[in-house]
Amino acid sequence: RYNELKHVSKVRQKDLTTRNDELRDLERDTGARTSSDNPLARQIRILENKLEKATMKCNEAGAFRKTYDHIIGRLKDEKRHFDVQLAQAMDTLRAKEADLAELIQMSNDAHRAKEAAKAE
């Protein structure tokens, strides 16, 4: 029984050693692939940075567009109200011009009446 357990222990120890060696080899290979000396890794990093910058610019442009869309909406509302205000102002101007014409006529009539009274 003891020999059997000892044998199982040796087999497992050997398997563990083999797997540790494989793990070290894999870590070494992975480390070589991700090192900064690797041109492919450097190119990937450059492209990732460019992608991040482009994404930031896209988000910024989206924010600007949202702001400008809001401004355009407000300007359209003001345009609708401005047309109404302009029509009201034009109506008021026509009424004031009519009042002015009436006052000028009254002034002329008063001036003629004054001259007629002086002549008598």
Foldseek 3Di string as FASTA:
>chain_A
DVVVVVVVVVVVVVVVVVVVVVVVVVVVVVCVCCDPVDPVNVVVVVVVVVVVVVVVVVVVVVVVVVVVVVVVVVVVVVVVVVVVVVVVVVVVVVVVVVVVVVVVVVVVVVVVVVVVVVVD
